[in-house]
Amino acid sequence: MGERAVSIGRDPSGPRGAVVVGGPHGAAPCRIIVPVSAPGPQTLAEEVRALAGHPVDLIEWRVDALASMAPDEIARACAVVLGEARRPVLATVRTAGEGGAASLSDTGYARLVAWLARRADAVDAEVARGDGLEGGAAALIARIHEAGAVAVGSHHDFSGTAPEPRIIDVLRAEAEAGADIAKIAYAARGPLDLLQVMDAQMWARTGIGPPVIAISMGRAGAISRIAGAPLGSAATFATVGAPSAPGQFRAEQVREALDVMEA
């Protein structure tokens, strides 16, 4: 089994275009994803516009701060992001249990994810939230696919890093649930935690099929953010402005490092 390529973008000829993530070794570089997370349409528009001129391949719209707002407010913010973006948009509702700001029931989470999937180019799906849904994570991801979006299956642990076999089990579960891209992020307490994540990432390149985003969060794991395609990294997260997670580098720093790693 080899890593397959995934194209993110509803309309490759439209203003947001499309970006290929993953694929056989050397087929695509590690992509840079930059989050925007302002709580209102005007500040969101400013955040998205500020990305112009920076090395950004994908925009992650963090919907956390809006999750408790009225549907029409979320719709206005969504229209702003999709209208201003000049790169494909990954919509993410990061819940409190995985380090985010959204407090939603499993059904409320699934409902918002499905709504976003009808609009964004890709949507993050926390596979653990599938435990409380009929059909599990596979049903949640199927709703994303039915709406025409790419599904990023994800798992985040800010308390520490699981042993490598457990990390591999999580990646395998994301793939089996139908995720187009498998993502994991663990807090690193030291170099050995980094190695657990990196080893799992390199195994996954040929072990599961979907491209993998594997992040070891914090200072001890920072190198995972610039590991690049040679070490199995399909994409990484960087910042233009304030970071959204521990250990993030600026987009320009990441681009320079990846250019060296992938030369």
Protein backbone atom coordinates (compact mmCIF):
# COMPACT_ATOMS: atom_id res chain seq x y z
CA MET A 1 0.00 0.00 0.00
CA GLY A 2 1.34 3.44 -0.90
CA GLU A 3 0.32 6.93 0.05
CA ARG A 4 -2.36 8.24 -2.28
CA ALA A 5 -2.69 11.79 -3.53
CA VAL A 6 -5.65 13.92 -2.43
CA SER A 7 -6.78 17.04 -4.28
CA ILE A 8 -8.36 19.70 -2.07
CA GLY A 9 -10.48 22.28 -3.87
CA ARG A 10 -14.04 22.23 -5.17
CA ASP A 11 -13.24 24.29 -8.26
CA PRO A 12 -9.61 24.16 -9.46
CA SER A 13 -10.27 27.00 -11.89
CA GLY A 14 -11.97 29.19 -9.24
CA PRO A 15 -10.35 31.84 -7.05
CA ARG A 16 -9.38 29.34 -4.31
CA GLY A 17 -7.93 26.85 -6.77
CA ALA A 18 -6.91 23.37 -5.68
CA VAL A 19 -3.90 21.83 -3.93
CA VAL A 20 -2.65 18.24 -4.11
CA VAL A 21 -1.64 16.72 -0.78
CA GLY A 22 0.37 13.52 -0.49
CA GLY A 23 0.96 10.97 -3.20
CA PRO A 24 3.89 8.66 -3.97
CA HIS A 25 7.23 9.66 -2.49
CA GLY A 26 8.34 12.96 -4.01
CA ALA A 27 5.06 13.57 -5.86
CA ALA A 28 4.07 16.58 -3.76
CA PRO A 29 5.93 18.68 -1.20
CA CYS A 30 4.80 19.04 2.39
CA ARG A 31 2.02 21.64 2.27
CA ILE A 32 1.78 24.61 4.63
CA ILE A 33 -1.56 25.21 6.36
CA VAL A 34 -2.16 28.52 8.18
CA PRO A 35 -5.13 28.97 10.55
CA VAL A 36 -7.45 31.96 10.83
CA SER A 37 -9.69 32.16 13.87
CA ALA A 38 -11.14 35.66 14.40
CA PRO A 39 -14.65 35.63 15.96
CA GLY A 40 -16.32 38.11 13.62
CA PRO A 41 -16.70 38.64 9.84
CA GLN A 42 -14.73 41.88 9.66
CA THR A 43 -11.72 40.61 11.60
CA LEU A 44 -11.89 37.29 9.75
CA ALA A 45 -11.71 39.14 6.44
CA GLU A 46 -8.66 41.04 7.67
CA GLU A 47 -6.98 37.80 8.81
CA VAL A 48 -7.57 36.11 5.46
CA ARG A 49 -6.36 39.13 3.48
CA ALA A 50 -3.22 39.28 5.63
CA LEU A 51 -2.18 35.88 4.25
CA ALA A 52 -1.52 37.37 0.81
CA GLY A 53 2.16 37.28 -0.04
CA HIS A 54 2.96 34.55 2.50
CA PRO A 55 3.83 30.92 1.63
CA VAL A 56 0.39 29.46 2.37
CA ASP A 57 -0.97 26.39 0.54
CA LEU A 58 -4.18 25.89 2.54
CA ILE A 59 -6.18 28.04 4.95
CA GLU A 60 -7.60 26.44 8.08
CA TRP A 61 -10.71 28.26 9.26
CA ARG A 62 -11.06 27.54 12.98
CA VAL A 63 -14.77 27.77 13.66
CA ASP A 64 -14.35 27.24 17.43
CA ALA A 65 -15.16 30.79 18.48
CA LEU A 66 -18.31 30.81 16.35
CA ALA A 67 -19.69 27.40 17.26
CA SER A 68 -22.08 28.77 19.90
CA MET A 69 -23.33 31.63 17.74
CA ALA A 70 -26.57 31.78 15.78
CA PRO A 71 -26.58 29.96 12.42
CA ASP A 72 -26.89 33.18 10.46
CA GLU A 73 -23.76 34.58 12.15
CA ILE A 74 -21.80 31.45 11.25
CA ALA A 75 -23.13 31.69 7.70
CA ARG A 76 -21.95 35.30 7.38
CA ALA A 77 -18.49 34.38 8.65
CA CYS A 78 -18.33 31.42 6.27
CA ALA A 79 -19.25 33.60 3.30
CA VAL A 80 -16.48 36.03 4.24
CA VAL A 81 -13.81 33.35 4.55
CA LEU A 82 -14.74 31.58 1.33
CA GLY A 83 -15.13 34.87 -0.52
CA GLU A 84 -11.80 36.32 0.59
CA ALA A 85 -9.69 33.15 0.45
CA ARG A 86 -7.29 32.63 -2.44
CA ARG A 87 -6.38 29.15 -1.30
CA PRO A 88 -8.54 26.09 -0.51
CA VAL A 89 -10.21 26.24 2.91
CA LEU A 90 -10.14 23.53 5.58
CA ALA A 91 -12.93 24.16 8.12
CA THR A 92 -12.21 22.94 11.64
CA VAL A 93 -14.44 22.82 14.72
CA ARG A 94 -11.93 21.94 17.43
CA THR A 95 -13.78 20.87 20.55
CA ALA A 96 -12.79 21.48 24.17
CA GLY A 97 -11.88 17.83 24.67
CA GLU A 98 -9.18 18.11 22.00
CA GLY A 99 -7.77 21.50 22.90
CA GLY A 100 -10.29 23.76 21.17
CA ALA A 101 -12.93 26.23 22.25
CA ALA A 102 -16.16 24.59 21.03
CA SER A 103 -18.49 22.92 23.52
CA LEU A 104 -20.98 20.85 21.53
CA SER A 105 -22.87 17.60 21.93
CA ASP A 106 -21.91 14.82 19.56
CA THR A 107 -25.03 15.45 17.48
CA GLY A 108 -24.46 19.21 17.51
CA TYR A 109 -20.89 18.68 16.41
CA ALA A 110 -21.93 16.34 13.58
CA ARG A 111 -24.60 18.79 12.44
CA LEU A 112 -22.12 21.68 12.22
CA VAL A 113 -19.50 19.53 10.48
CA ALA A 114 -22.07 18.48 7.86
CA TRP A 115 -23.11 22.12 7.34
CA LEU A 116 -19.49 23.17 6.81
CA ALA A 117 -18.89 20.26 4.44
CA ARG A 118 -21.46 21.66 2.02
CA ARG A 119 -19.38 24.82 1.74
CA ALA A 120 -15.69 24.40 2.58
CA ASP A 121 -13.18 22.53 0.44
CA ALA A 122 -12.21 20.22 3.31
CA VAL A 123 -13.48 19.59 6.84
CA ASP A 124 -11.74 18.27 9.94
CA ALA A 125 -13.52 15.37 11.67
CA GLU A 126 -12.53 14.41 15.21
CA VAL A 127 -12.85 10.64 14.99
CA ALA A 128 -13.45 10.32 18.75
CA ARG A 129 -16.70 12.25 18.36
CA GLY A 130 -18.01 9.39 16.27
CA ASP A 131 -18.25 7.26 19.42
CA GLY A 132 -21.48 9.02 20.34
CA LEU A 133 -23.05 8.84 16.88
CA GLU A 134 -24.97 6.10 15.15
CA GLY A 135 -22.58 4.63 12.60
CA GLY A 136 -19.53 6.00 14.42
CA ALA A 137 -16.73 8.00 12.84
CA ALA A 138 -17.38 6.36 9.46
CA ALA A 139 -20.87 7.89 9.38
CA LEU A 140 -19.48 11.32 10.26
CA ILE A 141 -16.90 11.12 7.49
CA ALA A 142 -19.49 9.78 5.04
CA ARG A 143 -21.57 12.94 5.61
CA ILE A 144 -18.55 15.03 4.70
CA HIS A 145 -18.02 13.06 1.49
CA GLU A 146 -21.71 13.23 0.57
CA ALA A 147 -21.45 17.02 0.78
CA GLY A 148 -18.51 17.05 -1.63
CA ALA A 149 -15.68 17.95 0.77
CA VAL A 150 -12.40 16.24 1.63
CA ALA A 151 -12.39 14.68 5.11
CA VAL A 152 -9.43 15.09 7.46
CA GLY A 153 -9.76 12.54 10.25
CA SER A 154 -8.08 13.90 13.37
CA HIS A 155 -7.04 13.13 16.92
CA HIS A 156 -5.37 15.55 19.39
CA ASP A 157 -3.95 14.91 22.84
CA PHE A 158 -2.57 17.86 24.80
CA SER A 159 -1.79 15.74 27.87
CA GLY A 160 1.10 13.78 26.40
CA THR A 161 2.13 11.25 23.74
CA ALA A 162 0.83 7.72 23.39
CA PRO A 163 3.19 4.80 22.68
CA GLU A 164 3.92 4.26 19.00
CA PRO A 165 1.63 1.18 18.65
CA ARG A 166 -1.29 3.23 20.01
CA ILE A 167 -0.53 6.10 17.63
CA ILE A 168 -0.50 3.63 14.75
CA ASP A 169 -3.86 2.26 15.93
CA VAL A 170 -5.31 5.81 15.81
CA LEU A 171 -3.99 6.42 12.29
CA ARG A 172 -5.33 3.08 11.15
CA ALA A 173 -8.74 3.82 12.68
CA GLU A 174 -8.90 7.17 10.86
CA ALA A 175 -8.11 5.46 7.57
CA GLU A 176 -10.64 2.68 8.18
CA ALA A 177 -13.31 5.29 8.93
CA GLY A 178 -12.76 6.67 5.42
CA ALA A 179 -10.66 9.76 6.09
CA ASP A 180 -8.95 11.15 3.00
CA ILE A 181 -6.15 12.53 5.19
CA ALA A 182 -5.17 11.20 8.63
CA LYS A 183 -4.03 13.69 11.27
CA ILE A 184 -2.60 13.21 14.75
CA ALA A 185 -1.16 15.71 17.23
CA TYR A 186 0.36 14.86 20.62
CA ALA A 187 2.04 17.01 23.26
CA ALA A 188 5.75 16.16 23.52
CA ARG A 189 7.27 15.95 26.99
CA GLY A 190 10.72 15.13 25.58
CA PRO A 191 12.63 13.84 22.53
CA LEU A 192 11.38 10.27 22.94
CA ASP A 193 7.81 11.48 22.47
CA LEU A 194 8.88 13.14 19.22
CA LEU A 195 10.36 9.86 18.01
CA GLN A 196 7.11 7.98 18.75
CA VAL A 197 5.19 10.37 16.50
CA MET A 198 7.80 10.49 13.74
CA ASP A 199 8.14 6.69 13.62
CA ALA A 200 4.37 6.31 13.34
CA GLN A 201 4.27 8.90 10.57
CA MET A 202 6.95 7.12 8.55
CA TRP A 203 5.20 3.77 9.02
CA ALA A 204 1.92 5.25 7.85
CA ARG A 205 3.37 6.35 4.50
CA THR A 206 3.05 2.77 3.26
CA GLY A 207 0.90 1.34 6.05
CA ILE A 208 -2.52 2.96 5.63
CA GLY A 209 -2.98 4.76 2.29
CA PRO A 210 -4.17 8.30 3.17
CA PRO A 211 -1.60 11.11 3.44
CA VAL A 212 -0.60 11.78 7.06
CA ILE A 213 -0.20 14.94 9.11
CA ALA A 214 1.65 14.01 12.30
CA ILE A 215 2.56 16.73 14.79
CA SER A 216 4.51 16.54 18.01
CA MET A 217 3.43 19.69 19.85
CA GLY A 218 5.64 21.89 21.96
CA ARG A 219 9.33 22.75 21.98
CA ALA A 220 10.51 19.13 22.21
CA GLY A 221 8.52 18.18 19.14
CA ALA A 222 9.00 21.31 17.04
CA ILE A 223 11.14 19.56 14.44
CA SER A 224 8.11 17.48 13.44
CA ARG A 225 6.66 20.64 11.91
CA ILE A 226 9.52 20.93 9.44
CA ALA A 227 10.21 17.23 8.82
CA GLY A 228 8.99 17.52 5.23
CA ALA A 229 7.89 14.94 2.69
CA PRO A 230 11.07 12.80 2.98
CA LEU A 231 9.96 11.78 6.48
CA GLY A 232 6.33 11.20 5.54
CA SER A 233 4.83 14.61 6.33
CA ALA A 234 2.04 15.50 3.88
CA ALA A 235 1.27 18.88 5.47
CA THR A 236 2.18 21.03 8.43
CA PHE A 237 0.72 23.99 10.29
CA ALA A 238 2.40 27.38 10.51
CA THR A 239 1.39 30.87 11.50
CA VAL A 240 0.98 34.32 10.03
CA GLY A 241 0.37 36.20 13.27
CA ALA A 242 -0.46 34.52 16.58
CA PRO A 243 0.07 30.71 16.77
CA SER A 244 -2.93 28.41 17.24
CA ALA A 245 -0.98 25.56 18.85
CA PRO A 246 2.23 25.09 20.87
CA GLY A 247 5.46 25.10 18.85
CA GLN A 248 4.20 26.61 15.60
CA PHE A 249 6.70 28.46 13.42
CA ARG A 250 6.05 31.38 11.09
CA ALA A 251 5.10 30.34 7.56
CA GLU A 252 8.28 31.84 6.10
CA GLN A 253 10.44 29.88 8.55
CA VAL A 254 8.63 26.66 7.65
CA ARG A 255 8.93 27.28 3.92
CA GLU A 256 12.67 27.89 4.20
CA ALA A 257 13.18 24.74 6.27
CA LEU A 258 11.05 22.61 3.94
CA ASP A 259 12.97 23.88 0.92
CA VAL A 260 16.14 22.52 2.56
CA MET A 261 14.55 19.22 3.62
CA GLU A 262 12.93 18.56 0.26
CA ALA A 263 15.73 19.77 -2.04
